Amino acid sequence: MKDFPKKFMVSNLLHYNLSCCAFVLSIKKIMSRIFEFIVIFRIRIWRVMMLKRLRCLAIVSGLAFSVMGSGVWINNFAMAQEKGAAYKEIDVKDGGTIAGTVKFDGDAPAAKILKVDKDEQTCGHENKVSEELVVNGESKGVKNVVVSLVDIAAGKKIEAITTALDQKECLFSPHVIAIPVGSSVDLLNSDNVMHNLHSWSIKNAAFNEGVSGGGKMTKKFDLAEIVKITCDVHKWMSSFVVVKANPYFAVTNETGQFKIENVPAGTYKIEAWQEKLGKKTGDVTVKSKEEAVADFVLTKK
């Protein structure tokens, strides 16, 4: 150390200290930038995630709105699901009958018009008339109402059936089908264009399949619920398959009339369900070999 001048040593030491300070400051600056980058990156990630969540929520909300149509059906759908009470099959002797009429309260509403905007050569060049609410102008009877006994404990045997739901001129026919659990539906396409059958169900397996012109597919419904069926190709098309847990049900005709036969004597809860007007319940007492009357009056919501 004696060989080095003191000034040289002091200068080098000072330079060394300054270099160290500069290095430390540079490190701090770099770390600060890294920290800022991490914070900004995390904020951007959070924004992206929130945006995705909002988009998903919007999609789900839109889907729910699409399913429920006017907003009434989904509520009625949830309210009208079967409770799944156990049903015992017995030999019904001297059973009675329940008959009645479902009427609309007030003036018959104007029919909803469905805009035809695709495949006019097959579907027609004129708009369609919706069957979501069909009221007889004279009798005020409501068509396509499903009337059924609720939670009946025992009765006649449940006989599974196979029925048909056709697509003609880009409309479902019939508009409403009621079947007992375990039944099958032949989904037909009598048109010469492709239809896409899309079921909206909770309990039964959902399907979303195309059926070419003249084609058919068969679906089985094992669980009681109300299943809406639409066509994704022709957005105005819709129908309902109402699956019941017992065999005591009927669908009203053009004048709103129905009949349920071979009912064991007793007092039961009876309900009427209509896709736009919702559900209404009442009580009915059935006597052996007699006809009980159960009328309903439905009000527009």
Protein backbone atom coordinates (compact mmCIF):
# COMPACT_ATOMS: atom_id res chain seq x y z
CA MET A 1 0.00 0.00 0.00
CA LYS A 2 2.95 2.34 0.55
CA ASP A 3 3.69 2.24 -3.20
CA PHE A 4 0.37 3.87 -4.11
CA PRO A 5 -0.14 7.57 -3.70
CA LYS A 6 -2.82 8.50 -1.23
CA LYS A 7 -4.64 10.66 -3.79
CA PHE A 8 -4.87 7.72 -6.15
CA MET A 9 -6.29 5.51 -3.43
CA VAL A 10 -8.82 8.11 -2.36
CA SER A 11 -9.86 8.73 -5.98
CA ASN A 12 -10.32 5.04 -6.66
CA LEU A 13 -12.20 4.53 -3.43
CA LEU A 14 -14.47 7.45 -4.20
CA HIS A 15 -15.05 6.19 -7.71
CA TYR A 16 -15.79 2.74 -6.34
CA ASN A 17 -18.31 4.10 -3.83
CA LEU A 18 -19.99 6.20 -6.49
CA SER A 19 -20.17 3.19 -8.79
CA CYS A 20 -21.73 1.12 -6.03
CA CYS A 21 -24.28 3.82 -5.30
CA ALA A 22 -25.13 4.11 -8.97
CA PHE A 23 -25.47 0.34 -9.20
CA VAL A 24 -27.74 0.23 -6.16
CA LEU A 25 -29.85 3.05 -7.54
CA SER A 26 -30.07 1.27 -10.89
CA ILE A 27 -31.15 -1.93 -9.16
CA LYS A 28 -33.77 -0.04 -7.17
CA LYS A 29 -35.02 1.63 -10.34
CA ILE A 30 -35.18 -1.69 -12.15
CA MET A 31 -36.98 -3.32 -9.22
CA SER A 32 -39.39 -0.41 -9.09
CA ARG A 33 -40.13 -0.80 -12.81
CA ILE A 34 -40.56 -4.55 -12.37
CA PHE A 35 -42.94 -3.95 -9.49
CA GLU A 36 -44.93 -1.43 -11.57
CA PHE A 37 -45.05 -3.90 -14.44
CA ILE A 38 -46.31 -6.67 -12.16
CA VAL A 39 -48.99 -4.40 -10.72
CA ILE A 40 -50.11 -3.24 -14.17
CA PHE A 41 -50.03 -6.80 -15.48
CA ARG A 42 -52.14 -8.07 -12.59
CA ILE A 43 -54.62 -5.24 -13.07
CA ARG A 44 -54.91 -6.06 -16.77
CA ILE A 45 -55.36 -9.76 -15.99
CA TRP A 46 -58.05 -8.86 -13.46
CA ARG A 47 -59.80 -6.67 -16.04
CA VAL A 48 -59.70 -9.44 -18.63
CA MET A 49 -61.09 -11.96 -16.15
CA MET A 50 -63.86 -9.59 -15.09
CA LEU A 51 -64.68 -8.87 -18.73
CA LYS A 52 -64.90 -12.60 -19.44
CA ARG A 53 -67.14 -13.10 -16.44
CA LEU A 54 -69.40 -10.27 -17.55
CA ARG A 55 -69.54 -11.72 -21.06
CA CYS A 56 -70.41 -15.15 -19.67
CA LEU A 57 -73.10 -13.58 -17.51
CA ALA A 58 -74.47 -11.75 -20.52
CA ILE A 59 -74.51 -14.96 -22.55
CA VAL A 60 -76.25 -16.88 -19.78
CA SER A 61 -78.75 -14.06 -19.29
CA GLY A 62 -79.40 -13.93 -23.02
CA LEU A 63 -79.83 -17.69 -23.12
CA ALA A 64 -82.27 -17.59 -20.24
CA PHE A 65 -84.20 -14.82 -21.95
CA SER A 66 -84.22 -16.80 -25.18
CA VAL A 67 -85.51 -19.86 -23.39
CA MET A 68 -88.29 -18.09 -21.60
CA GLY A 69 -89.49 -16.21 -24.64
CA SER A 70 -91.69 -13.45 -23.26
CA GLY A 71 -90.42 -13.97 -19.75
CA VAL A 72 -93.51 -15.83 -18.57
CA TRP A 73 -92.78 -19.34 -19.71
CA ILE A 74 -89.66 -19.99 -17.63
CA ASN A 75 -91.50 -19.02 -14.44
CA ASN A 76 -94.45 -21.19 -15.34
CA PHE A 77 -92.04 -23.94 -16.35
CA ALA A 78 -90.36 -23.98 -12.95
CA MET A 79 -93.65 -23.81 -11.09
CA ALA A 80 -95.22 -26.57 -13.14
CA GLN A 81 -92.60 -29.28 -12.65
CA GLU A 82 -93.78 -32.54 -11.13
CA LYS A 83 -92.98 -33.13 -7.48
CA GLY A 84 -92.20 -36.77 -8.18
CA ALA A 85 -94.62 -38.29 -5.66
CA ALA A 86 -94.73 -42.09 -5.71
CA TYR A 87 -97.59 -43.52 -7.74
CA LYS A 88 -99.07 -46.97 -7.14
CA GLU A 89 -100.80 -48.85 -9.94
CA ILE A 90 -104.04 -50.54 -8.88
CA ASP A 91 -107.04 -52.17 -10.49
CA VAL A 92 -109.59 -49.35 -10.67
CA LYS A 93 -113.17 -50.59 -10.43
CA ASP A 94 -116.17 -48.37 -10.97
CA GLY A 95 -114.00 -45.35 -11.61
CA GLY A 96 -115.46 -41.93 -12.27
CA THR A 97 -114.82 -39.23 -14.87
CA ILE A 98 -113.65 -35.64 -14.63
CA ALA A 99 -114.83 -33.28 -17.35
CA GLY A 100 -114.70 -29.55 -17.74
CA THR A 101 -113.82 -26.49 -19.76
CA VAL A 102 -110.92 -24.06 -19.53
CA LYS A 103 -111.96 -20.53 -20.43
CA PHE A 104 -110.21 -17.21 -20.86
CA ASP A 105 -111.21 -14.30 -18.65
CA GLY A 106 -111.92 -11.28 -20.82
CA ASP A 107 -111.93 -10.62 -24.53
CA ALA A 108 -110.07 -13.06 -26.71
CA PRO A 109 -106.59 -11.60 -27.35
CA ALA A 110 -105.37 -10.98 -30.87
CA ALA A 111 -103.26 -13.82 -32.19
CA LYS A 112 -99.51 -13.28 -32.24
CA ILE A 113 -98.01 -13.15 -35.72
CA LEU A 114 -94.80 -15.05 -36.42
CA LYS A 115 -92.51 -13.52 -39.03
CA VAL A 116 -91.34 -15.99 -41.67
CA ASP A 117 -87.91 -14.90 -42.87
CA LYS A 118 -86.31 -18.11 -44.10
CA ASP A 119 -87.00 -20.94 -46.57
CA GLU A 120 -90.12 -19.21 -47.89
CA GLN A 121 -90.49 -21.77 -50.67
CA THR A 122 -91.31 -24.39 -48.03
CA CYS A 123 -92.43 -22.33 -45.06
CA GLY A 124 -94.64 -20.03 -47.12
CA HIS A 125 -94.43 -16.41 -48.14
CA GLU A 126 -96.93 -15.28 -45.53
CA ASN A 127 -96.36 -14.93 -41.81
CA LYS A 128 -97.63 -17.62 -39.43
CA VAL A 129 -100.14 -17.39 -36.60
CA SER A 130 -98.73 -18.44 -33.23
CA GLU A 131 -100.47 -21.14 -31.20
CA GLU A 132 -98.98 -20.01 -27.90
CA LEU A 133 -102.43 -18.75 -26.84
CA VAL A 134 -105.47 -19.89 -28.81
CA VAL A 135 -108.83 -18.64 -27.48
CA ASN A 136 -112.15 -19.53 -29.09
CA GLY A 137 -113.85 -16.30 -30.04
CA GLU A 138 -117.34 -17.56 -29.17
CA SER A 139 -116.92 -19.86 -26.18
CA LYS A 140 -113.75 -18.22 -24.76
CA GLY A 141 -112.41 -21.76 -24.46
CA VAL A 142 -108.61 -22.06 -24.39
CA LYS A 143 -106.93 -24.67 -26.58
CA ASN A 144 -103.80 -26.65 -25.68
CA VAL A 145 -104.19 -26.46 -21.90
CA VAL A 146 -102.83 -29.49 -20.03
CA VAL A 147 -105.22 -30.48 -17.23
CA SER A 148 -103.99 -33.11 -14.77
CA LEU A 149 -104.38 -34.58 -11.31
CA VAL A 150 -101.56 -33.62 -8.96
CA ASP A 151 -99.86 -36.13 -6.65
CA ILE A 152 -102.54 -38.80 -6.95
CA ALA A 153 -101.32 -41.73 -4.83
CA ALA A 154 -102.87 -44.66 -6.71
CA GLY A 155 -104.81 -45.34 -9.86
CA LYS A 156 -104.88 -47.06 -13.22
CA LYS A 157 -101.76 -48.44 -14.84
CA ILE A 158 -99.34 -46.07 -16.53
CA GLU A 159 -99.14 -47.20 -20.13
CA ALA A 160 -96.19 -45.80 -22.05
CA ILE A 161 -97.07 -44.72 -25.57
CA THR A 162 -95.35 -43.58 -28.74
CA THR A 163 -96.82 -40.47 -30.28
CA ALA A 164 -95.73 -38.12 -33.05
CA LEU A 165 -94.67 -34.49 -33.20
CA ASP A 166 -94.46 -33.38 -36.82
CA GLN A 167 -93.03 -30.33 -38.57
CA LYS A 168 -95.26 -29.16 -41.40
CA GLU A 169 -94.77 -25.93 -43.32
CA CYS A 170 -92.31 -24.86 -40.62
CA LEU A 171 -94.69 -25.25 -37.69
CA PHE A 172 -94.88 -27.99 -35.07
CA SER A 173 -98.01 -30.11 -35.11
CA PRO A 174 -99.53 -30.54 -32.62
CA HIS A 175 -98.35 -27.55 -30.63
CA VAL A 176 -98.73 -29.30 -27.26
CA ILE A 177 -98.38 -33.01 -26.46
CA ALA A 178 -99.00 -34.64 -23.08
CA ILE A 179 -97.57 -38.09 -22.38
CA PRO A 180 -96.98 -40.32 -19.34
CA VAL A 181 -93.45 -41.05 -18.12
CA GLY A 182 -91.63 -43.72 -20.10
CA SER A 183 -93.24 -42.70 -23.38
CA SER A 184 -91.53 -41.89 -26.67
CA VAL A 185 -92.09 -39.21 -29.27
CA ASP A 186 -91.42 -39.68 -32.98
CA LEU A 187 -90.06 -36.32 -34.12
CA LEU A 188 -90.94 -36.06 -37.79
CA ASN A 189 -90.01 -33.66 -40.56
CA SER A 190 -92.63 -33.52 -43.29
CA ASP A 191 -90.95 -30.52 -44.91
CA ASN A 192 -88.29 -30.69 -47.61
CA VAL A 193 -85.87 -28.48 -45.67
CA MET A 194 -83.61 -29.17 -42.73
CA HIS A 195 -85.05 -28.60 -39.24
CA ASN A 196 -83.03 -28.58 -36.04
CA LEU A 197 -84.82 -30.01 -33.00
CA HIS A 198 -83.63 -28.42 -29.77
CA SER A 199 -85.11 -29.54 -26.44
CA TRP A 200 -85.02 -27.37 -23.32
CA SER A 201 -85.26 -29.80 -20.44
CA ILE A 202 -84.00 -30.11 -16.88
CA LYS A 203 -84.63 -33.74 -15.95
CA ASN A 204 -84.64 -35.60 -19.26
CA ALA A 205 -81.59 -35.73 -21.51
CA ALA A 206 -81.54 -32.65 -23.71
CA PHE A 207 -80.99 -32.95 -27.46
CA ASN A 208 -80.06 -30.57 -30.26
CA GLU A 209 -80.06 -32.46 -33.56
CA GLY A 210 -80.82 -31.80 -37.18
CA VAL A 211 -83.49 -33.72 -39.07
CA SER A 212 -83.42 -33.62 -42.86
CA GLY A 213 -86.52 -33.40 -45.00
CA GLY A 214 -88.64 -36.53 -44.67
CA GLY A 215 -86.52 -37.70 -41.74
CA LYS A 216 -87.42 -38.88 -38.25
CA MET A 217 -85.84 -39.39 -34.87
CA THR A 218 -87.34 -40.87 -31.73
CA LYS A 219 -86.77 -39.63 -28.19
CA LYS A 220 -87.86 -41.21 -24.91
CA PHE A 221 -88.96 -39.18 -21.90
CA ASP A 222 -88.55 -41.04 -18.61
CA LEU A 223 -88.99 -38.22 -16.12
CA ALA A 224 -91.92 -35.90 -15.48
CA GLU A 225 -91.38 -32.31 -16.60
CA ILE A 226 -92.38 -29.76 -19.20
CA VAL A 227 -90.04 -29.81 -22.19
CA LYS A 228 -89.99 -26.96 -24.66
CA ILE A 229 -88.87 -27.87 -28.18
CA THR A 230 -87.70 -25.33 -30.71
CA CYS A 231 -86.07 -25.25 -34.13
CA ASP A 232 -82.76 -23.39 -34.26
CA VAL A 233 -83.04 -23.01 -38.03
CA HIS A 234 -86.50 -21.43 -37.99
CA LYS A 235 -86.61 -19.30 -34.84
CA TRP A 236 -90.39 -18.85 -34.80
CA MET A 237 -91.04 -22.57 -34.28
CA SER A 238 -91.82 -23.92 -30.81
CA SER A 239 -93.84 -26.65 -29.11
CA PHE A 240 -94.19 -28.42 -25.76
CA VAL A 241 -93.98 -32.03 -24.64
CA VAL A 242 -95.56 -32.28 -21.18
CA VAL A 243 -94.44 -35.45 -19.41
CA LYS A 244 -96.71 -36.47 -16.52
CA ALA A 245 -95.95 -38.72 -13.54
CA ASN A 246 -99.41 -40.35 -13.63
CA PRO A 247 -101.89 -41.23 -16.39
CA TYR A 248 -104.60 -38.78 -15.34
CA PHE A 249 -104.28 -35.86 -17.73
CA ALA A 250 -105.79 -34.40 -20.88
CA VAL A 251 -105.17 -31.58 -23.38
CA THR A 252 -108.05 -29.22 -24.11
CA ASN A 253 -109.53 -29.12 -27.60
CA GLU A 254 -110.49 -26.13 -29.77
CA THR A 255 -113.35 -25.18 -27.44
CA GLY A 256 -111.35 -25.64 -24.25
CA GLN A 257 -112.98 -28.91 -23.23
CA PHE A 258 -111.28 -31.93 -21.65
CA LYS A 259 -112.12 -35.29 -20.09
CA ILE A 260 -110.16 -37.57 -17.72
CA GLU A 261 -111.54 -41.08 -17.28
CA ASN A 262 -111.35 -44.08 -14.94
CA VAL A 263 -110.45 -42.05 -11.86
CA PRO A 264 -110.72 -43.78 -8.44
CA ALA A 265 -113.32 -42.28 -6.12
CA GLY A 266 -111.85 -39.58 -3.91
CA THR A 267 -110.93 -35.91 -3.65
CA TYR A 268 -107.97 -34.68 -5.65
CA LYS A 269 -106.03 -31.57 -6.49
CA ILE A 270 -106.36 -30.74 -10.16
CA GLU A 271 -104.36 -28.21 -12.15
CA ALA A 272 -104.50 -26.52 -15.53
CA TRP A 273 -101.27 -25.38 -17.20
CA GLN A 274 -100.97 -23.09 -20.21
CA GLU A 275 -97.67 -21.83 -21.57
CA LYS A 276 -98.62 -18.13 -21.50
CA LEU A 277 -101.26 -18.02 -18.76
CA GLY A 278 -99.45 -20.16 -16.24
CA LYS A 279 -100.90 -22.63 -13.78
CA LYS A 280 -104.13 -22.73 -11.81
CA THR A 281 -105.18 -25.38 -9.30
CA GLY A 282 -108.41 -26.48 -7.69
CA ASP A 283 -110.05 -29.42 -5.93
CA VAL A 284 -112.35 -32.01 -7.41
CA THR A 285 -114.32 -34.84 -5.80
CA VAL A 286 -114.89 -37.94 -7.89
CA LYS A 287 -117.61 -40.49 -7.19
CA SER A 288 -117.81 -44.02 -8.59
CA LYS A 289 -119.40 -44.23 -12.04
CA GLU A 290 -120.21 -40.51 -11.98
CA GLU A 291 -118.91 -37.48 -13.83
CA ALA A 292 -117.39 -34.66 -11.80
CA VAL A 293 -117.12 -31.17 -13.26
CA ALA A 294 -113.91 -29.15 -12.98
CA ASP A 295 -113.92 -25.84 -14.85
CA PHE A 296 -111.10 -23.31 -14.96
CA VAL A 297 -110.91 -19.63 -15.81
CA LEU A 298 -107.46 -18.36 -16.77
CA THR A 299 -106.40 -14.73 -16.71
CA LYS A 300 -103.75 -13.06 -18.83
CA LYS A 301 -100.70 -12.06 -16.79
